[in-house]
Amino acid sequence: MIEIDCRDLPCPRPIIELAKALPGVPVGERLAVVAHDPAARYDVPAWCRMRGQEYVGEEAAEDGAPRYVVRRLS
């Protein structure tokens, strides 16, 4: 799983970084966005719905930061 470190980035940068990284992820593989930005909790699932990707869910990174996991479908 590829992980994007967006811990110190304000909204909307975590979504911008997610969109930039997705083409480098093979279809079927997962990508995780680690972000302290509270809007990411809502923005990542919404972005997945709009872009036809699967929002797998939220988990914690090793340091406890929120990690939002996406599976590339197309």
PDB file of N, CA and C in Angstrom:
ATOM      1  N   MET A   1       0.852  -1.173   0.000  1.00  0.00           N
ATOM      2  CA  MET A   1       0.000   0.000   0.000  1.00  0.00           C
ATOM      3  C   MET A   1       0.898   1.236   0.000  1.00  0.00           C
ATOM      4  N   ILE A   2       0.578   2.162  -0.867  1.00  0.00           N
ATOM      5  CA  ILE A   2       1.282   3.438  -0.940  1.00  0.00           C
ATOM      6  C   ILE A   2       0.658   4.374   0.083  1.00  0.00           C
ATOM      7  N   GLU A   3       1.495   5.118   0.792  1.00  0.00           N
ATOM      8  CA  GLU A   3       0.995   6.059   1.790  1.00  0.00           C
ATOM      9  C   GLU A   3       1.479   7.462   1.451  1.00  0.00           C
ATOM     10  N   ILE A   4       0.552   8.411   1.471  1.00  0.00           N
ATOM     11  CA  ILE A   4       0.872   9.815   1.211  1.00  0.00           C
ATOM     12  C   ILE A   4       0.830  10.543   2.547  1.00  0.00           C
ATOM     13  N   ASP A   5       1.914  11.204   2.886  1.00  0.00           N
ATOM     14  CA  ASP A   5       1.991  11.945   4.141  1.00  0.00           C
ATOM     15  C   ASP A   5       1.498  13.373   3.920  1.00  0.00           C
ATOM     16  N   CYS A   6       0.291  13.639   4.395  1.00  0.00           N
ATOM     17  CA  CYS A   6      -0.306  14.971   4.286  1.00  0.00           C
ATOM     18  C   CYS A   6      -0.581  15.537   5.673  1.00  0.00           C
ATOM     19  N   ARG A   7       0.148  15.085   6.667  1.00  0.00           N
ATOM     20  CA  ARG A   7      -0.094  15.471   8.063  1.00  0.00           C
ATOM     21  C   ARG A   7      -0.133  16.982   8.275  1.00  0.00           C
ATOM     22  N   ASP A   8       0.747  17.713   7.614  1.00  0.00           N
ATOM     23  CA  ASP A   8       0.843  19.153   7.843  1.00  0.00           C
ATOM     24  C   ASP A   8       0.189  19.992   6.746  1.00  0.00           C
ATOM     25  N   LEU A   9      -0.583  19.359   5.882  1.00  0.00           N
ATOM     26  CA  LEU A   9      -1.179  20.097   4.769  1.00  0.00           C
ATOM     27  C   LEU A   9      -2.624  20.487   5.073  1.00  0.00           C
ATOM     28  N   PRO A  10      -2.979  21.751   4.824  1.00  0.00           N
ATOM     29  CA  PRO A  10      -4.367  22.191   5.040  1.00  0.00           C
ATOM     30  C   PRO A  10      -5.260  21.782   3.871  1.00  0.00           C
ATOM     31  N   CYS A  11      -6.554  21.805   4.119  1.00  0.00           N
ATOM     32  CA  CYS A  11      -7.554  21.561   3.086  1.00  0.00           C
ATOM     33  C   CYS A  11      -7.363  22.599   1.981  1.00  0.00           C
ATOM     34  N   PRO A  12      -7.419  22.232   0.744  1.00  0.00           N
ATOM     35  CA  PRO A  12      -7.760  20.954   0.121  1.00  0.00           C
ATOM     36  C   PRO A  12      -6.549  20.128  -0.306  1.00  0.00           C
ATOM     37  N   ARG A  13      -5.371  20.441   0.208  1.00  0.00           N
ATOM     38  CA  ARG A  13      -4.154  19.777  -0.251  1.00  0.00           C
ATOM     39  C   ARG A  13      -4.163  18.252  -0.130  1.00  0.00           C
ATOM     40  N   PRO A  14      -4.715  17.637   0.950  1.00  0.00           N
ATOM     41  CA  PRO A  14      -4.720  16.165   0.970  1.00  0.00           C
ATOM     42  C   PRO A  14      -5.444  15.555  -0.238  1.00  0.00           C
ATOM     43  N   ILE A  15      -6.526  16.184  -0.672  1.00  0.00           N
ATOM     44  CA  ILE A  15      -7.263  15.664  -1.834  1.00  0.00           C
ATOM     45  C   ILE A  15      -6.471  15.895  -3.115  1.00  0.00           C
ATOM     46  N   ILE A  16      -5.811  17.029  -3.209  1.00  0.00           N
ATOM     47  CA  ILE A  16      -4.983  17.308  -4.382  1.00  0.00           C
ATOM     48  C   ILE A  16      -3.862  16.283  -4.475  1.00  0.00           C
ATOM     49  N   GLU A  17      -3.237  15.982  -3.354  1.00  0.00           N
ATOM     50  CA  GLU A  17      -2.152  14.986  -3.337  1.00  0.00           C
ATOM     51  C   GLU A  17      -2.683  13.589  -3.668  1.00  0.00           C
ATOM     52  N   LEU A  18      -3.869  13.263  -3.188  1.00  0.00           N
ATOM     53  CA  LEU A  18      -4.501  11.986  -3.520  1.00  0.00           C
ATOM     54  C   LEU A  18      -4.730  11.879  -5.025  1.00  0.00           C
ATOM     55  N   ALA A  19      -5.276  12.927  -5.613  1.00  0.00           N
ATOM     56  CA  ALA A  19      -5.549  12.918  -7.055  1.00  0.00           C
ATOM     57  C   ALA A  19      -4.263  12.797  -7.870  1.00  0.00           C
ATOM     58  N   LYS A  20      -3.188  13.446  -7.418  1.00  0.00           N
ATOM     59  CA  LYS A  20      -1.917  13.367  -8.130  1.00  0.00           C
ATOM     60  C   LYS A  20      -1.292  11.986  -8.021  1.00  0.00           C
ATOM     61  N   ALA A  21      -1.472  11.314  -6.886  1.00  0.00           N
ATOM     62  CA  ALA A  21      -0.825  10.018  -6.655  1.00  0.00           C
ATOM     63  C   ALA A  21      -1.575   8.849  -7.283  1.00  0.00           C
ATOM     64  N   LEU A  22      -2.878   8.973  -7.454  1.00  0.00           N
ATOM     65  CA  LEU A  22      -3.686   7.834  -7.909  1.00  0.00           C
ATOM     66  C   LEU A  22      -3.210   7.217  -9.225  1.00  0.00           C
ATOM     67  N   PRO A  23      -2.832   7.992 -10.240  1.00  0.00           N
ATOM     68  CA  PRO A  23      -2.389   7.361 -11.494  1.00  0.00           C
ATOM     69  C   PRO A  23      -1.190   6.424 -11.333  1.00  0.00           C
ATOM     70  N   GLY A  24      -0.396   6.601 -10.302  1.00  0.00           N
ATOM     71  CA  GLY A  24       0.758   5.741 -10.076  1.00  0.00           C
ATOM     72  C   GLY A  24       0.450   4.466  -9.310  1.00  0.00           C
ATOM     73  N   VAL A  25      -0.824   4.282  -8.949  1.00  0.00           N
ATOM     74  CA  VAL A  25      -1.240   3.105  -8.181  1.00  0.00           C
ATOM     75  C   VAL A  25      -1.900   2.115  -9.139  1.00  0.00           C
ATOM     76  N   PRO A  26      -1.466   0.868  -9.163  1.00  0.00           N
ATOM     77  CA  PRO A  26      -2.105  -0.120 -10.034  1.00  0.00           C
ATOM     78  C   PRO A  26      -3.576  -0.334  -9.648  1.00  0.00           C
ATOM     79  N   VAL A  27      -4.417  -0.592 -10.639  1.00  0.00           N
ATOM     80  CA  VAL A  27      -5.830  -0.890 -10.391  1.00  0.00           C
ATOM     81  C   VAL A  27      -5.923  -2.078  -9.443  1.00  0.00           C
ATOM     82  N   GLY A  28      -6.757  -1.937  -8.423  1.00  0.00           N
ATOM     83  CA  GLY A  28      -6.942  -2.979  -7.423  1.00  0.00           C
ATOM     84  C   GLY A  28      -6.095  -2.774  -6.179  1.00  0.00           C
ATOM     85  N   GLU A  29      -5.093  -1.931  -6.268  1.00  0.00           N
ATOM     86  CA  GLU A  29      -4.216  -1.668  -5.121  1.00  0.00           C
ATOM     87  C   GLU A  29      -4.768  -0.530  -4.268  1.00  0.00           C
ATOM     88  N   ARG A  30      -4.213  -0.399  -3.071  1.00  0.00           N
ATOM     89  CA  ARG A  30      -4.679   0.614  -2.128  1.00  0.00           C
ATOM     90  C   ARG A  30      -3.686   1.757  -1.987  1.00  0.00           C
ATOM     91  N   LEU A  31      -4.243   2.897  -1.633  1.00  0.00           N
ATOM     92  CA  LEU A  31      -3.490   4.120  -1.398  1.00  0.00           C
ATOM     93  C   LEU A  31      -4.023   4.719  -0.107  1.00  0.00           C
ATOM     94  N   ALA A  32      -3.144   5.171   0.760  1.00  0.00           N
ATOM     95  CA  ALA A  32      -3.583   5.751   2.026  1.00  0.00           C
ATOM     96  C   ALA A  32      -3.130   7.206   2.114  1.00  0.00           C
ATOM     97  N   VAL A  33      -4.043   8.052   2.585  1.00  0.00           N
ATOM     98  CA  VAL A  33      -3.751   9.464   2.818  1.00  0.00           C
ATOM     99  C   VAL A  33      -3.717   9.659   4.331  1.00  0.00           C
ATOM    100  N   VAL A  34      -2.578  10.087   4.857  1.00  0.00           N
ATOM    101  CA  VAL A  34      -2.450  10.363   6.289  1.00  0.00           C
ATOM    102  C   VAL A  34      -2.549  11.874   6.457  1.00  0.00           C
ATOM    103  N   ALA A  35      -3.584  12.319   7.178  1.00  0.00           N
ATOM    104  CA  ALA A  35      -3.823  13.758   7.286  1.00  0.00           C
ATOM    105  C   ALA A  35      -4.458  14.105   8.625  1.00  0.00           C
ATOM    106  N   HIS A  36      -3.950  15.190   9.215  1.00  0.00           N
ATOM    107  CA  HIS A  36      -4.549  15.724  10.440  1.00  0.00           C
ATOM    108  C   HIS A  36      -5.701  16.674  10.122  1.00  0.00           C
ATOM    109  N   ASP A  37      -5.813  17.103   8.881  1.00  0.00           N
ATOM    110  CA  ASP A  37      -6.865  18.026   8.473  1.00  0.00           C
ATOM    111  C   ASP A  37      -8.230  17.383   8.747  1.00  0.00           C
ATOM    112  N   PRO A  38      -9.063  17.987   9.611  1.00  0.00           N
ATOM    113  CA  PRO A  38     -10.344  17.369   9.949  1.00  0.00           C
ATOM    114  C   PRO A  38     -11.281  17.205   8.750  1.00  0.00           C
ATOM    115  N   ALA A  39     -11.138  18.044   7.734  1.00  0.00           N
ATOM    116  CA  ALA A  39     -12.002  17.932   6.560  1.00  0.00           C
ATOM    117  C   ALA A  39     -11.706  16.672   5.754  1.00  0.00           C
ATOM    118  N   ALA A  40     -10.508  16.119   5.873  1.00  0.00           N
ATOM    119  CA  ALA A  40     -10.149  14.923   5.104  1.00  0.00           C
ATOM    120  C   ALA A  40     -11.080  13.755   5.416  1.00  0.00           C
ATOM    121  N   ARG A  41     -11.594  13.687   6.632  1.00  0.00           N
ATOM    122  CA  ARG A  41     -12.510  12.612   7.024  1.00  0.00           C
ATOM    123  C   ARG A  41     -13.749  12.573   6.114  1.00  0.00           C
ATOM    124  N   TYR A  42     -14.148  13.732   5.617  1.00  0.00           N
ATOM    125  CA  TYR A  42     -15.320  13.836   4.738  1.00  0.00           C
ATOM    126  C   TYR A  42     -14.914  13.954   3.276  1.00  0.00           C
ATOM    127  N   ASP A  43     -13.804  14.634   3.031  1.00  0.00           N
ATOM    128  CA  ASP A  43     -13.379  14.895   1.662  1.00  0.00           C
ATOM    129  C   ASP A  43     -12.918  13.644   0.925  1.00  0.00           C
ATOM    130  N   VAL A  44     -12.188  12.764   1.605  1.00  0.00           N
ATOM    131  CA  VAL A  44     -11.680  11.566   0.919  1.00  0.00           C
ATOM    132  C   VAL A  44     -12.832  10.659   0.466  1.00  0.00           C
ATOM    133  N   PRO A  45     -13.806  10.319   1.332  1.00  0.00           N
ATOM    134  CA  PRO A  45     -14.922   9.505   0.843  1.00  0.00           C
ATOM    135  C   PRO A  45     -15.719  10.190  -0.265  1.00  0.00           C
ATOM    136  N   ALA A  46     -15.920  11.504  -0.158  1.00  0.00           N
ATOM    137  CA  ALA A  46     -16.666  12.237  -1.191  1.00  0.00           C
ATOM    138  C   ALA A  46     -15.902  12.213  -2.511  1.00  0.00           C
ATOM    139  N   TRP A  47     -14.595  12.400  -2.451  1.00  0.00           N
ATOM    140  CA  TRP A  47     -13.773  12.359  -3.653  1.00  0.00           C
ATOM    141  C   TRP A  47     -13.872  10.985  -4.312  1.00  0.00           C
ATOM    142  N   CYS A  48     -13.835   9.931  -3.497  1.00  0.00           N
ATOM    143  CA  CYS A  48     -13.947   8.565  -4.035  1.00  0.00           C
ATOM    144  C   CYS A  48     -15.283   8.365  -4.761  1.00  0.00           C
ATOM    145  N   ARG A  49     -16.366   8.837  -4.150  1.00  0.00           N
ATOM    146  CA  ARG A  49     -17.681   8.707  -4.804  1.00  0.00           C
ATOM    147  C   ARG A  49     -17.701   9.451  -6.138  1.00  0.00           C
ATOM    148  N   MET A  50     -17.150  10.643  -6.168  1.00  0.00           N
ATOM    149  CA  MET A  50     -17.162  11.450  -7.394  1.00  0.00           C
ATOM    150  C   MET A  50     -16.243  10.880  -8.469  1.00  0.00           C
ATOM    151  N   ARG A  51     -15.187  10.210  -8.076  1.00  0.00           N
ATOM    152  CA  ARG A  51     -14.191   9.700  -9.025  1.00  0.00           C
ATOM    153  C   ARG A  51     -14.319   8.203  -9.300  1.00  0.00           C
ATOM    154  N   GLY A  52     -15.313   7.547  -8.719  1.00  0.00           N
ATOM    155  CA  GLY A  52     -15.528   6.130  -8.989  1.00  0.00           C
ATOM    156  C   GLY A  52     -14.473   5.218  -8.377  1.00  0.00           C
ATOM    157  N   GLN A  53     -13.922   5.614  -7.242  1.00  0.00           N
ATOM    158  CA  GLN A  53     -12.949   4.787  -6.538  1.00  0.00           C
ATOM    159  C   GLN A  53     -13.582   4.269  -5.250  1.00  0.00           C
ATOM    160  N   GLU A  54     -13.002   3.259  -4.643  1.00  0.00           N
ATOM    161  CA  GLU A  54     -13.560   2.660  -3.427  1.00  0.00           C
ATOM    162  C   GLU A  54     -12.913   3.269  -2.186  1.00  0.00           C
ATOM    163  N   TYR A  55     -13.742   3.816  -1.305  1.00  0.00           N
ATOM    164  CA  TYR A  55     -13.251   4.274  -0.008  1.00  0.00           C
ATOM    165  C   TYR A  55     -13.273   3.068   0.914  1.00  0.00           C
ATOM    166  N   VAL A  56     -12.109   2.597   1.333  1.00  0.00           N
ATOM    167  CA  VAL A  56     -12.004   1.401   2.162  1.00  0.00           C
ATOM    168  C   VAL A  56     -12.330   1.724   3.616  1.00  0.00           C
ATOM    169  N   GLY A  57     -11.856   2.878   4.104  1.00  0.00           N
ATOM    170  CA  GLY A  57     -12.159   3.267   5.472  1.00  0.00           C
ATOM    171  C   GLY A  57     -11.037   4.030   6.122  1.00  0.00           C
ATOM    172  N   GLU A  58     -11.250   4.327   7.388  1.00  0.00           N
ATOM    173  CA  GLU A  58     -10.286   5.086   8.176  1.00  0.00           C
ATOM    174  C   GLU A  58      -9.620   4.155   9.184  1.00  0.00           C
ATOM    175  N   GLU A  59      -8.327   4.345   9.361  1.00  0.00           N
ATOM    176  CA  GLU A  59      -7.579   3.614  10.370  1.00  0.00           C
ATOM    177  C   GLU A  59      -6.543   4.573  10.939  1.00  0.00           C
ATOM    178  N   ALA A  60      -5.736   4.109  11.850  1.00  0.00           N
ATOM    179  CA  ALA A  60      -4.713   4.963  12.451  1.00  0.00           C
ATOM    180  C   ALA A  60      -3.334   4.584  11.916  1.00  0.00           C
ATOM    181  N   ALA A  61      -2.544   5.607  11.604  1.00  0.00           N
ATOM    182  CA  ALA A  61      -1.152   5.388  11.231  1.00  0.00           C
ATOM    183  C   ALA A  61      -0.382   5.004  12.496  1.00  0.00           C
ATOM    184  N   GLU A  62       0.865   4.624  12.345  1.00  0.00           N
ATOM    185  CA  GLU A  62       1.669   4.194  13.500  1.00  0.00           C
ATOM    186  C   GLU A  62       1.757   5.250  14.585  1.00  0.00           C
ATOM    187  N   ASP A  63       1.735   6.520  14.191  1.00  0.00           N
ATOM    188  CA  ASP A  63       1.819   7.599  15.176  1.00  0.00           C
ATOM    189  C   ASP A  63       0.447   8.053  15.670  1.00  0.00           C
ATOM    190  N   GLY A  64      -0.600   7.348  15.264  1.00  0.00           N
ATOM    191  CA  GLY A  64      -1.955   7.678  15.696  1.00  0.00           C
ATOM    192  C   GLY A  64      -2.685   8.648  14.795  1.00  0.00           C
ATOM    193  N   ALA A  65      -2.023   9.187  13.780  1.00  0.00           N
ATOM    194  CA  ALA A  65      -2.669  10.112  12.846  1.00  0.00           C
ATOM    195  C   ALA A  65      -3.726   9.368  12.025  1.00  0.00           C
ATOM    196  N   PRO A  66      -4.813  10.035  11.673  1.00  0.00           N
ATOM    197  CA  PRO A  66      -5.829   9.394  10.840  1.00  0.00           C
ATOM    198  C   PRO A  66      -5.264   9.034   9.456  1.00  0.00           C
ATOM    199  N   ARG A  67      -5.595   7.837   9.007  1.00  0.00           N
ATOM    200  CA  ARG A  67      -5.180   7.355   7.689  1.00  0.00           C
ATOM    201  C   ARG A  67      -6.437   6.925   6.949  1.00  0.00           C
ATOM    202  N   TYR A  68      -6.652   7.502   5.772  1.00  0.00           N
ATOM    203  CA  TYR A  68      -7.839   7.235   4.959  1.00  0.00           C
ATOM    204  C   TYR A  68      -7.410   6.391   3.765  1.00  0.00           C
ATOM    205  N   VAL A  69      -8.021   5.207   3.645  1.00  0.00           N
ATOM    206  CA  VAL A  69      -7.576   4.226   2.664  1.00  0.00           C
ATOM    207  C   VAL A  69      -8.536   4.160   1.480  1.00  0.00           C
ATOM    208  N   VAL A  70      -7.944   4.197   0.279  1.00  0.00           N
ATOM    209  CA  VAL A  70      -8.682   4.192  -0.987  1.00  0.00           C
ATOM    210  C   VAL A  70      -8.171   3.029  -1.821  1.00  0.00           C
ATOM    211  N   ARG A  71      -9.091   2.324  -2.487  1.00  0.00           N
ATOM    212  CA  ARG A  71      -8.682   1.277  -3.445  1.00  0.00           C
ATOM    213  C   ARG A  71      -8.965   1.801  -4.840  1.00  0.00           C
ATOM    214  N   ARG A  72      -7.966   1.736  -5.705  1.00  0.00           N
ATOM    215  CA  ARG A  72      -8.153   2.185  -7.084  1.00  0.00           C
ATOM    216  C   ARG A  72      -8.969   1.154  -7.847  1.00  0.00           C
ATOM    217  N   LEU A  73     -10.077   1.604  -8.420  1.00  0.00           N
ATOM    218  CA  LEU A  73     -10.950   0.717  -9.186  1.00  0.00           C
ATOM    219  C   LEU A  73     -10.793   0.903 -10.688  1.00  0.00           C
ATOM    220  N   SER A  74     -10.322   2.059 -11.108  1.00  0.00           N
ATOM    221  CA  SER A  74     -10.171   2.307 -12.555  1.00  0.00           C
ATOM    222  C   SER A  74      -9.046   3.274 -12.806  1.00  0.00           C
TER     223      SER A  74
END
